[in-house]
């Protein structure tokens, strides 16, 4: 069974991990209401789970904060209601975030 849950917090950065039977498949790092990065163990895993990790991370942050931000610009976030913030990232008011029609592949780091 695949799980997506908070695994650690270090120096204000929280890491959510996608795991299957204790094997880490991917992660998202966030600082408060800002998504810093995504990563996956392989391209195959990214192809299968990137949309799930992206939506799950945004959903968790939307539930906790009035605004959700990203530390990078990725047009796939626009499908969720995000707009560029003019500072190299994106932002969305929680009331404007929508999960319909998203076919996202999150920006990641290996």
Protein backbone atom coordinates (compact mmCIF):
# COMPACT_ATOMS: atom_id res chain seq x y z
CA UNK A 1 0.00 0.00 0.00
CA UNK A 2 1.29 3.46 -0.94
CA UNK A 3 1.30 6.11 1.81
CA UNK A 4 1.93 9.87 1.74
CA UNK A 5 2.74 11.31 5.15
CA UNK A 6 4.88 13.75 7.11
CA UNK A 7 8.20 12.07 7.89
CA UNK A 8 10.44 14.81 9.28
CA UNK A 9 10.88 18.48 10.02
CA UNK A 10 14.34 20.03 10.08
CA UNK A 11 15.20 23.75 10.28
CA UNK A 12 11.63 24.72 9.38
CA UNK A 13 11.43 22.42 6.33
CA UNK A 14 8.92 19.58 6.50
CA UNK A 15 9.36 16.51 4.31
CA UNK A 16 6.33 14.54 3.19
CA UNK A 17 7.25 11.13 1.81
CA UNK A 18 5.53 8.78 -0.57
CA UNK A 19 6.33 5.27 0.64
CA UNK A 20 5.44 1.70 -0.19
CA UNK A 21 6.36 -0.99 2.34
CA UNK A 22 8.89 1.36 3.99
CA UNK A 23 10.59 2.15 0.66
CA UNK A 24 10.68 5.85 -0.19
CA UNK A 25 9.34 6.47 -3.70
CA UNK A 26 9.20 10.25 -3.63
CA UNK A 27 8.94 13.35 -1.46
CA UNK A 28 7.83 16.94 -1.26
CA UNK A 29 9.61 19.52 0.88
CA UNK A 30 7.62 22.45 2.27
CA UNK A 31 8.33 25.43 4.51
CA UNK A 32 5.14 26.60 6.19
CA UNK A 33 2.82 27.37 3.23
CA UNK A 34 5.49 27.14 0.48
CA UNK A 35 6.26 24.09 -1.66
CA UNK A 36 10.04 24.04 -2.13
CA UNK A 37 10.56 20.97 -4.32
CA UNK A 38 9.44 17.48 -5.28
CA UNK A 39 11.60 14.44 -5.95
CA UNK A 40 11.17 10.84 -7.07
CA UNK A 41 13.46 7.81 -7.09
CA UNK A 42 13.01 7.24 -10.82
CA UNK A 43 11.33 8.57 -13.93
CA UNK A 44 8.91 5.63 -13.84
CA UNK A 45 7.81 6.50 -10.30
CA UNK A 46 7.48 10.18 -11.27
CA UNK A 47 5.27 9.25 -14.24
CA UNK A 48 2.94 7.25 -12.00
CA UNK A 49 2.82 9.34 -8.82
CA UNK A 50 3.74 12.97 -9.59
CA UNK A 51 0.14 14.13 -9.90
CA UNK A 52 -0.79 12.36 -6.67
CA UNK A 53 2.12 13.94 -4.76
CA UNK A 54 1.43 17.40 -6.20
CA UNK A 55 -2.30 17.29 -5.40
CA UNK A 56 -1.73 15.77 -1.96
CA UNK A 57 0.82 18.42 -1.00
CA UNK A 58 -1.39 21.28 -2.20
CA UNK A 59 -4.41 19.75 -0.44
CA UNK A 60 -2.55 19.48 2.88
CA UNK A 61 -1.29 23.07 2.69
CA UNK A 62 -4.65 24.44 1.54
CA UNK A 63 -6.22 22.89 4.60
CA UNK A 64 -3.74 24.66 6.94
CA UNK A 65 -3.11 28.04 5.29
CA UNK A 66 -5.09 30.81 3.56
CA UNK A 67 -2.51 30.96 0.77
CA UNK A 68 -0.30 28.27 -0.80
CA UNK A 69 2.95 29.20 -2.55
CA UNK A 70 5.63 27.49 -4.63
CA UNK A 71 9.34 28.39 -4.71
CA UNK A 72 9.40 27.86 -8.48
CA UNK A 73 7.26 28.56 -11.53
CA UNK A 74 5.64 25.57 -13.16
CA UNK A 75 2.69 26.09 -15.52
CA UNK A 76 1.09 22.86 -14.32
CA UNK A 77 0.23 24.61 -11.06
CA UNK A 78 -1.85 27.08 -13.09
CA UNK A 79 -4.34 24.25 -13.62
CA UNK A 80 -4.88 24.25 -9.87
CA UNK A 81 -5.47 28.01 -9.74
CA UNK A 82 -1.93 29.26 -9.06
CA UNK A 83 -0.57 32.47 -10.58
CA UNK A 84 3.01 33.68 -10.90
CA UNK A 85 4.00 35.96 -8.03
CA UNK A 86 6.67 37.98 -9.90
CA UNK A 87 9.38 36.68 -7.54
CA UNK A 88 10.18 33.38 -9.26
CA UNK A 89 7.38 31.42 -7.61
CA UNK A 90 3.63 30.97 -7.72
CA UNK A 91 0.78 31.55 -5.30
CA UNK A 92 -2.91 30.72 -4.88
CA UNK A 93 -5.55 31.78 -2.41
CA UNK A 94 -7.03 28.65 -0.82
CA UNK A 95 -10.49 29.65 -2.07
CA UNK A 96 -9.25 29.66 -5.67
CA UNK A 97 -7.49 26.27 -5.62
CA UNK A 98 -9.29 23.67 -7.69
CA UNK A 99 -8.40 20.04 -8.33
CA UNK A 100 -10.41 19.50 -11.51
CA UNK A 101 -8.65 18.78 -14.79
CA UNK A 102 -5.13 18.50 -13.45
CA UNK A 103 -2.64 16.34 -15.32
CA UNK A 104 0.43 17.47 -13.44
CA UNK A 105 4.00 16.28 -13.36
CA UNK A 106 5.69 18.09 -10.51
CA UNK A 107 9.09 19.73 -10.85
CA UNK A 108 11.51 17.50 -9.01
CA UNK A 109 15.04 17.05 -7.77
CA UNK A 110 16.88 13.77 -7.68
